[in-house]
Amino acid sequence: MSSPNIIINHHGRDIWADYNEVNLLETDDRKQAKMEMWIAKNIGDAITAAYPNREWGVRVDINGQMIILSCDSLSLERGYYLPMKSDTIDALRKRAVRACGEVLERFNVSRNRIFNPDHLETVKRDFKDEAISPDAIPESLVKGLKSGH
């Protein structure tokens, strides 16, 4: 069973568990958690190398074949869903970096490597401290059904 917690966060919080030890008697859940941790760390390292000074979150669900990427500096509620498909870790890393660039664009935040994190303090926010951006608001599914799309 995968964990819903943020696996990687390179801005103050530590990884919540160490899955590096070898144990021949470990459960399948524990083996899966190790693999999810390894994938999250690889992807998180690629994202933070491409877009430093931002707070990134990576959640991995092997059973659901899904990775959820978030810029926690902007939103703790919204993320980019990245299907794993049958991609290699290198392909996932590249796709994740592109996806995180899109997240930054939607919130009108610079994708430059040289970035002043104080800029994030100037982003408009709602009462829940979520960044506000017209490009980041999901469209209603009901609206699309009513208009015949």
N, C-alpha and C. Protein backbone atom coordinates (compact mmCIF):
# COMPACT_ATOMS: atom_id res chain seq x y z
N MET A 1 0.85 -1.16 0.00
CA MET A 1 0.00 0.00 0.00
C MET A 1 0.90 1.23 0.00
N SER A 2 0.66 2.15 -0.95
CA SER A 2 1.53 3.32 -1.03
C SER A 2 1.10 4.37 -0.03
N SER A 3 2.04 5.21 0.30
CA SER A 3 1.81 6.25 1.29
C SER A 3 1.35 7.53 0.60
N PRO A 4 0.36 8.23 1.14
CA PRO A 4 -0.09 9.48 0.54
C PRO A 4 0.79 10.67 0.93
N ASN A 5 1.82 10.44 1.72
CA ASN A 5 2.67 11.53 2.19
C ASN A 5 3.58 12.02 1.10
N ILE A 6 4.06 13.23 1.27
CA ILE A 6 5.05 13.78 0.36
C ILE A 6 6.34 13.02 0.61
N ILE A 7 6.90 12.49 -0.44
CA ILE A 7 8.09 11.66 -0.31
C ILE A 7 9.35 12.51 -0.33
N ILE A 8 9.44 13.45 -1.23
CA ILE A 8 10.62 14.28 -1.36
C ILE A 8 10.21 15.73 -1.17
N ASN A 9 10.96 16.43 -0.41
CA ASN A 9 10.72 17.85 -0.24
C ASN A 9 12.06 18.46 0.13
N HIS A 10 12.65 19.15 -0.80
CA HIS A 10 14.01 19.68 -0.63
C HIS A 10 14.01 21.08 -0.03
N HIS A 11 13.14 21.35 0.91
CA HIS A 11 13.09 22.70 1.45
C HIS A 11 12.78 22.68 2.93
N GLY A 12 13.52 21.90 3.69
CA GLY A 12 13.37 21.97 5.13
C GLY A 12 12.93 20.70 5.81
N ARG A 13 12.01 19.96 5.21
CA ARG A 13 11.54 18.74 5.85
C ARG A 13 12.40 17.57 5.41
N ASP A 14 12.59 16.63 6.31
CA ASP A 14 13.36 15.43 6.00
C ASP A 14 12.45 14.34 5.46
N ILE A 15 13.05 13.39 4.77
CA ILE A 15 12.31 12.21 4.32
C ILE A 15 11.84 11.48 5.57
N TRP A 16 10.61 11.02 5.57
CA TRP A 16 9.97 10.52 6.79
C TRP A 16 10.39 9.13 7.21
N ALA A 17 11.07 8.36 6.38
CA ALA A 17 11.50 7.02 6.78
C ALA A 17 12.70 6.61 5.94
N ASP A 18 13.50 5.70 6.47
CA ASP A 18 14.67 5.19 5.77
C ASP A 18 14.37 3.77 5.30
N TYR A 19 14.33 3.61 3.99
CA TYR A 19 14.04 2.30 3.41
C TYR A 19 15.26 1.69 2.74
N ASN A 20 16.45 2.05 3.18
CA ASN A 20 17.66 1.59 2.52
C ASN A 20 18.22 0.28 3.08
N GLU A 21 17.78 -0.15 4.24
CA GLU A 21 18.33 -1.38 4.79
C GLU A 21 17.82 -2.60 4.02
N VAL A 22 18.60 -3.66 4.03
CA VAL A 22 18.23 -4.90 3.35
C VAL A 22 17.71 -5.89 4.39
N ASN A 23 16.56 -6.45 4.10
CA ASN A 23 15.94 -7.41 5.01
C ASN A 23 15.25 -8.47 4.16
N LEU A 24 15.73 -9.70 4.22
CA LEU A 24 15.17 -10.77 3.40
C LEU A 24 13.75 -11.14 3.80
N LEU A 25 13.35 -10.81 5.02
CA LEU A 25 12.02 -11.16 5.49
C LEU A 25 11.02 -10.01 5.37
N GLU A 26 11.39 -8.93 4.70
CA GLU A 26 10.50 -7.78 4.63
C GLU A 26 9.25 -8.08 3.79
N THR A 27 8.19 -7.35 4.07
CA THR A 27 6.92 -7.56 3.39
C THR A 27 6.92 -6.94 2.00
N ASP A 28 5.96 -7.34 1.20
CA ASP A 28 5.81 -6.75 -0.14
C ASP A 28 5.52 -5.26 -0.05
N ASP A 29 4.73 -4.86 0.96
CA ASP A 29 4.44 -3.43 1.14
C ASP A 29 5.71 -2.64 1.39
N ARG A 30 6.59 -3.20 2.17
CA ARG A 30 7.85 -2.53 2.48
C ARG A 30 8.74 -2.45 1.23
N LYS A 31 8.77 -3.51 0.43
CA LYS A 31 9.53 -3.49 -0.82
C LYS A 31 8.98 -2.43 -1.77
N GLN A 32 7.65 -2.34 -1.83
CA GLN A 32 7.02 -1.34 -2.68
C GLN A 32 7.35 0.07 -2.19
N ALA A 33 7.32 0.26 -0.90
CA ALA A 33 7.66 1.57 -0.33
C ALA A 33 9.09 1.96 -0.68
N LYS A 34 10.01 1.01 -0.64
CA LYS A 34 11.40 1.27 -1.03
C LYS A 34 11.49 1.72 -2.48
N MET A 35 10.77 1.01 -3.35
CA MET A 35 10.79 1.35 -4.77
C MET A 35 10.18 2.73 -5.00
N GLU A 36 9.07 3.02 -4.33
CA GLU A 36 8.44 4.34 -4.46
C GLU A 36 9.38 5.44 -3.98
N MET A 37 10.08 5.18 -2.90
CA MET A 37 11.03 6.14 -2.35
C MET A 37 12.17 6.38 -3.34
N TRP A 38 12.68 5.32 -3.94
CA TRP A 38 13.77 5.44 -4.90
C TRP A 38 13.33 6.25 -6.12
N ILE A 39 12.15 5.97 -6.64
CA ILE A 39 11.62 6.70 -7.80
C ILE A 39 11.43 8.18 -7.44
N ALA A 40 10.82 8.44 -6.27
CA ALA A 40 10.58 9.82 -5.84
C ALA A 40 11.89 10.59 -5.67
N LYS A 41 12.88 9.95 -5.10
CA LYS A 41 14.18 10.62 -4.90
C LYS A 41 14.82 10.96 -6.24
N ASN A 42 14.82 10.02 -7.17
CA ASN A 42 15.40 10.27 -8.49
C ASN A 42 14.70 11.42 -9.21
N ILE A 43 13.39 11.41 -9.18
CA ILE A 43 12.62 12.46 -9.84
C ILE A 43 12.81 13.79 -9.10
N GLY A 44 12.76 13.76 -7.78
CA GLY A 44 12.94 14.99 -6.99
C GLY A 44 14.30 15.62 -7.24
N ASP A 45 15.34 14.80 -7.34
CA ASP A 45 16.68 15.33 -7.62
C ASP A 45 16.73 16.02 -8.98
N ALA A 46 16.08 15.45 -9.99
CA ALA A 46 16.07 16.04 -11.33
C ALA A 46 15.30 17.37 -11.33
N ILE A 47 14.19 17.41 -10.62
CA ILE A 47 13.37 18.63 -10.58
C ILE A 47 14.12 19.75 -9.87
N THR A 48 14.70 19.44 -8.72
CA THR A 48 15.40 20.50 -7.97
C THR A 48 16.67 20.95 -8.68
N ALA A 49 17.27 20.10 -9.48
CA ALA A 49 18.43 20.53 -10.27
C ALA A 49 17.99 21.49 -11.37
N ALA A 50 16.84 21.24 -11.97
CA ALA A 50 16.33 22.09 -13.05
C ALA A 50 15.72 23.38 -12.52
N TYR A 51 15.00 23.29 -11.40
CA TYR A 51 14.28 24.44 -10.83
C TYR A 51 14.59 24.56 -9.34
N PRO A 52 15.79 25.05 -9.01
CA PRO A 52 16.16 25.19 -7.59
C PRO A 52 15.42 26.34 -6.91
N ASN A 53 15.51 26.37 -5.59
CA ASN A 53 14.94 27.42 -4.74
C ASN A 53 13.42 27.45 -4.76
N ARG A 54 12.82 26.33 -5.10
CA ARG A 54 11.38 26.16 -4.99
C ARG A 54 11.13 24.91 -4.17
N GLU A 55 9.99 24.83 -3.56
CA GLU A 55 9.67 23.68 -2.71
C GLU A 55 8.85 22.68 -3.53
N TRP A 56 9.44 21.53 -3.84
CA TRP A 56 8.79 20.53 -4.68
C TRP A 56 8.34 19.33 -3.86
N GLY A 57 7.23 18.75 -4.27
CA GLY A 57 6.74 17.52 -3.66
C GLY A 57 6.57 16.46 -4.73
N VAL A 58 6.93 15.22 -4.41
CA VAL A 58 6.79 14.10 -5.34
C VAL A 58 6.11 12.97 -4.59
N ARG A 59 4.98 12.51 -5.11
CA ARG A 59 4.27 11.37 -4.53
C ARG A 59 4.24 10.27 -5.59
N VAL A 60 4.55 9.06 -5.21
CA VAL A 60 4.62 7.95 -6.15
C VAL A 60 3.67 6.86 -5.70
N ASP A 61 2.85 6.38 -6.63
CA ASP A 61 1.93 5.26 -6.38
C ASP A 61 2.19 4.21 -7.46
N ILE A 62 2.96 3.19 -7.09
CA ILE A 62 3.30 2.15 -8.07
C ILE A 62 2.06 1.38 -8.51
N ASN A 63 1.19 1.03 -7.56
CA ASN A 63 -0.01 0.27 -7.92
C ASN A 63 -0.88 1.02 -8.92
N GLY A 64 -1.04 2.31 -8.71
CA GLY A 64 -1.85 3.13 -9.61
C GLY A 64 -1.08 3.64 -10.81
N GLN A 65 0.25 3.35 -10.86
CA GLN A 65 1.11 3.80 -11.96
C GLN A 65 1.03 5.31 -12.16
N MET A 66 1.06 6.06 -11.03
CA MET A 66 0.90 7.50 -11.10
C MET A 66 1.92 8.21 -10.20
N ILE A 67 2.40 9.33 -10.68
CA ILE A 67 3.27 10.21 -9.91
C ILE A 67 2.56 11.55 -9.84
N ILE A 68 2.51 12.13 -8.64
CA ILE A 68 1.90 13.44 -8.48
C ILE A 68 3.01 14.41 -8.09
N LEU A 69 3.15 15.45 -8.90
CA LEU A 69 4.18 16.47 -8.69
C LEU A 69 3.51 17.73 -8.19
N SER A 70 4.09 18.36 -7.19
CA SER A 70 3.51 19.61 -6.71
C SER A 70 4.62 20.60 -6.38
N CYS A 71 4.28 21.86 -6.52
CA CYS A 71 5.17 22.93 -6.07
C CYS A 71 4.53 23.44 -4.79
N ASP A 72 4.97 22.90 -3.67
CA ASP A 72 4.36 23.20 -2.39
C ASP A 72 4.52 24.67 -2.01
N SER A 73 5.45 25.37 -2.64
CA SER A 73 5.59 26.81 -2.42
C SER A 73 4.37 27.55 -2.94
N LEU A 74 3.66 26.93 -3.88
CA LEU A 74 2.50 27.57 -4.50
C LEU A 74 1.18 26.96 -4.06
N SER A 75 1.12 25.64 -3.96
CA SER A 75 -0.13 24.99 -3.62
C SER A 75 0.11 23.66 -2.93
N LEU A 76 -0.61 23.45 -1.87
CA LEU A 76 -0.58 22.15 -1.18
C LEU A 76 -1.76 21.28 -1.60
N GLU A 77 -2.64 21.82 -2.43
CA GLU A 77 -3.85 21.08 -2.84
C GLU A 77 -3.82 20.62 -4.29
N ARG A 78 -3.06 21.30 -5.14
CA ARG A 78 -3.06 20.97 -6.56
C ARG A 78 -1.72 20.39 -6.98
N GLY A 79 -1.78 19.46 -7.90
CA GLY A 79 -0.57 18.85 -8.40
C GLY A 79 -0.71 18.43 -9.84
N TYR A 80 0.38 18.04 -10.44
CA TYR A 80 0.42 17.58 -11.82
C TYR A 80 0.46 16.06 -11.78
N TYR A 81 -0.52 15.41 -12.39
CA TYR A 81 -0.59 13.95 -12.43
C TYR A 81 0.21 13.46 -13.63
N LEU A 82 1.22 12.66 -13.36
CA LEU A 82 2.12 12.16 -14.39
C LEU A 82 2.01 10.63 -14.44
N PRO A 83 1.30 10.09 -15.44
CA PRO A 83 1.21 8.62 -15.55
C PRO A 83 2.60 8.01 -15.79
N MET A 84 2.88 6.91 -15.11
CA MET A 84 4.19 6.28 -15.23
C MET A 84 4.37 5.53 -16.53
N LYS A 85 3.28 5.03 -17.11
CA LYS A 85 3.32 4.21 -18.31
C LYS A 85 4.30 3.06 -18.07
N SER A 86 5.14 2.79 -19.03
CA SER A 86 6.21 1.80 -18.86
C SER A 86 7.55 2.48 -19.04
N ASP A 87 7.61 3.76 -18.66
CA ASP A 87 8.82 4.55 -18.87
C ASP A 87 9.96 4.12 -17.96
N THR A 88 11.16 4.35 -18.43
CA THR A 88 12.36 4.16 -17.61
C THR A 88 12.44 5.31 -16.62
N ILE A 89 13.32 5.20 -15.64
CA ILE A 89 13.48 6.28 -14.67
C ILE A 89 14.01 7.53 -15.36
N ASP A 90 14.87 7.38 -16.37
CA ASP A 90 15.38 8.55 -17.10
C ASP A 90 14.26 9.27 -17.84
N ALA A 91 13.38 8.52 -18.47
CA ALA A 91 12.24 9.12 -19.18
C ALA A 91 11.30 9.81 -18.19
N LEU A 92 11.07 9.18 -17.05
CA LEU A 92 10.21 9.79 -16.03
C LEU A 92 10.82 11.08 -15.51
N ARG A 93 12.13 11.09 -15.31
CA ARG A 93 12.81 12.30 -14.83
C ARG A 93 12.61 13.45 -15.84
N LYS A 94 12.81 13.18 -17.11
CA LYS A 94 12.65 14.20 -18.15
C LYS A 94 11.21 14.70 -18.22
N ARG A 95 10.26 13.78 -18.20
CA ARG A 95 8.85 14.18 -18.25
C ARG A 95 8.47 14.99 -17.01
N ALA A 96 9.01 14.61 -15.86
CA ALA A 96 8.70 15.32 -14.61
C ALA A 96 9.25 16.76 -14.65
N VAL A 97 10.44 16.93 -15.17
CA VAL A 97 11.02 18.28 -15.27
C VAL A 97 10.16 19.14 -16.19
N ARG A 98 9.73 18.60 -17.34
CA ARG A 98 8.85 19.36 -18.24
C ARG A 98 7.53 19.69 -17.54
N ALA A 99 6.97 18.73 -16.83
CA ALA A 99 5.70 18.95 -16.13
C ALA A 99 5.84 20.04 -15.08
N CYS A 100 6.93 20.04 -14.34
CA CYS A 100 7.13 21.06 -13.30
C CYS A 100 7.35 22.43 -13.91
N GLY A 101 7.96 22.47 -15.08
CA GLY A 101 8.07 23.74 -15.81
C GLY A 101 6.70 24.27 -16.17
N GLU A 102 5.81 23.37 -16.56
CA GLU A 102 4.44 23.77 -16.87
C GLU A 102 3.71 24.27 -15.62
N VAL A 103 3.94 23.63 -14.48
CA VAL A 103 3.34 24.09 -13.23
C VAL A 103 3.77 25.52 -12.94
N LEU A 104 5.06 25.79 -13.07
CA LEU A 104 5.56 27.14 -12.82
C LEU A 104 4.95 28.15 -13.79
N GLU A 105 4.83 27.77 -15.06
CA GLU A 105 4.22 28.66 -16.05
C GLU A 105 2.77 28.96 -15.71
N ARG A 106 2.03 27.97 -15.27
CA ARG A 106 0.62 28.19 -14.94
C ARG A 106 0.44 29.19 -13.80
N PHE A 107 1.42 29.24 -12.90
CA PHE A 107 1.35 30.18 -11.79
C PHE A 107 2.15 31.46 -12.09
N ASN A 108 2.63 31.58 -13.34
CA ASN A 108 3.39 32.75 -13.78
C ASN A 108 4.63 32.97 -12.91
N VAL A 109 5.33 31.88 -12.61
CA VAL A 109 6.57 31.93 -11.84
C VAL A 109 7.72 31.55 -12.78
N SER A 110 8.81 32.25 -12.66
CA SER A 110 9.97 32.04 -13.54
C SER A 110 10.48 30.60 -13.49
N ARG A 111 10.87 30.10 -14.66
CA ARG A 111 11.49 28.77 -14.74
C ARG A 111 13.01 28.87 -14.72
N ASN A 112 13.56 30.06 -14.61
CA ASN A 112 15.01 30.22 -14.62
C ASN A 112 15.65 29.51 -13.45
N ARG A 113 16.85 28.99 -13.68
CA ARG A 113 17.60 28.34 -12.59
C ARG A 113 17.97 29.34 -11.52
N ILE A 114 18.35 30.55 -11.93
CA ILE A 114 18.65 31.60 -10.96
C ILE A 114 17.31 32.23 -10.60
N PHE A 115 16.88 31.97 -9.38
CA PHE A 115 15.53 32.36 -8.96
C PHE A 115 15.57 32.81 -7.51
N ASN A 116 14.97 33.94 -7.24
CA ASN A 116 14.89 34.45 -5.88
C ASN A 116 13.60 33.91 -5.23
N PRO A 117 13.71 33.03 -4.24
CA PRO A 117 12.51 32.46 -3.63
C PRO A 117 11.63 33.49 -2.93
N ASP A 118 12.16 34.69 -2.66
CA ASP A 118 11.33 35.74 -2.08
C ASP A 118 10.21 36.16 -3.02
N HIS A 119 10.40 35.91 -4.32
CA HIS A 119 9.34 36.22 -5.30
C HIS A 119 8.05 35.46 -4.98
N LEU A 120 8.17 34.29 -4.41
CA LEU A 120 6.99 33.49 -4.08
C LEU A 120 6.12 34.17 -3.03
N GLU A 121 6.71 35.07 -2.26
CA GLU A 121 5.95 35.81 -1.25
C GLU A 121 5.05 36.88 -1.87
N THR A 122 5.32 37.24 -3.14
CA THR A 122 4.53 38.28 -3.80
C THR A 122 3.38 37.71 -4.62
N VAL A 123 3.31 36.39 -4.73
CA VAL A 123 2.25 35.75 -5.51
C VAL A 123 0.91 35.92 -4.78
N LYS A 124 -0.15 36.30 -5.53
CA LYS A 124 -1.47 36.44 -4.93
C LYS A 124 -1.93 35.09 -4.39
N ARG A 125 -2.57 35.13 -3.20
CA ARG A 125 -3.01 33.90 -2.54
C ARG A 125 -4.43 34.05 -2.03
N ASP A 126 -5.10 32.91 -1.87
CA ASP A 126 -6.44 32.92 -1.31
C ASP A 126 -6.38 32.76 0.20
N PHE A 127 -7.54 32.60 0.82
CA PHE A 127 -7.59 32.51 2.28
C PHE A 127 -6.93 31.25 2.83
N LYS A 128 -6.70 30.24 1.99
CA LYS A 128 -6.02 29.02 2.42
C LYS A 128 -4.53 29.04 2.09
N ASP A 129 -4.02 30.20 1.68
CA ASP A 129 -2.63 30.41 1.32
C ASP A 129 -2.24 29.65 0.05
N GLU A 130 -3.23 29.37 -0.80
CA GLU A 130 -2.98 28.74 -2.09
C GLU A 130 -2.78 29.84 -3.13
N ALA A 131 -1.76 29.70 -3.98
CA ALA A 131 -1.51 30.68 -5.02
C ALA A 131 -2.70 30.72 -5.98
N ILE A 132 -3.02 31.93 -6.42
CA ILE A 132 -4.15 32.15 -7.33
C ILE A 132 -3.60 32.38 -8.73
N SER A 133 -4.13 31.64 -9.68
CA SER A 133 -3.76 31.82 -11.07
C SER A 133 -4.89 31.32 -11.95
N PRO A 134 -5.34 32.13 -12.92
CA PRO A 134 -6.42 31.68 -13.80
C PRO A 134 -6.06 30.41 -14.57
N ASP A 135 -4.77 30.23 -14.90
CA ASP A 135 -4.33 29.06 -15.65
C ASP A 135 -4.27 27.80 -14.80
N ALA A 136 -4.30 27.94 -13.47
CA ALA A 136 -4.17 26.78 -12.59
C ALA A 136 -5.51 26.32 -12.02
N ILE A 137 -6.60 27.01 -12.38
CA ILE A 137 -7.92 26.63 -11.86
C ILE A 137 -8.48 25.51 -12.73
N PRO A 138 -8.82 24.37 -12.13
CA PRO A 138 -9.39 23.28 -12.93
C PRO A 138 -10.79 23.64 -13.40
N GLU A 139 -11.12 23.20 -14.61
CA GLU A 139 -12.45 23.44 -15.14
C GLU A 139 -13.42 22.43 -14.58
N SER A 140 -14.66 22.86 -14.42
CA SER A 140 -15.71 21.98 -13.92
C SER A 140 -16.09 20.96 -14.98
N LEU A 141 -16.17 19.70 -14.58
CA LEU A 141 -16.59 18.65 -15.50
C LEU A 141 -18.06 18.83 -15.87
N VAL A 142 -18.86 19.32 -14.94
CA VAL A 142 -20.29 19.53 -15.18
C VAL A 142 -20.48 20.58 -16.26
N LYS A 143 -19.69 21.64 -16.22
CA LYS A 143 -19.77 22.71 -17.22
C LYS A 143 -19.55 22.14 -18.62
N GLY A 144 -18.56 21.28 -18.78
CA GLY A 144 -18.27 20.67 -20.07
C GLY A 144 -19.38 19.78 -20.56
N LEU A 145 -20.04 19.06 -19.63
CA LEU A 145 -21.15 18.18 -20.00
C LEU A 145 -22.36 18.98 -20.45
N LYS A 146 -22.64 20.10 -19.80
CA LYS A 146 -23.79 20.93 -20.15
C LYS A 146 -23.63 21.60 -21.49
N SER A 147 -22.39 21.95 -21.86
CA SER A 147 -22.18 22.65 -23.12
C SER A 147 -22.03 21.67 -24.29
N GLY A 148 -22.08 20.37 -24.00
CA GLY A 148 -22.04 19.37 -25.06
C GLY A 148 -20.65 18.95 -25.47
N HIS A 149 -19.63 19.28 -24.72
CA HIS A 149 -18.25 18.89 -25.05
C HIS A 149 -17.90 17.58 -24.44
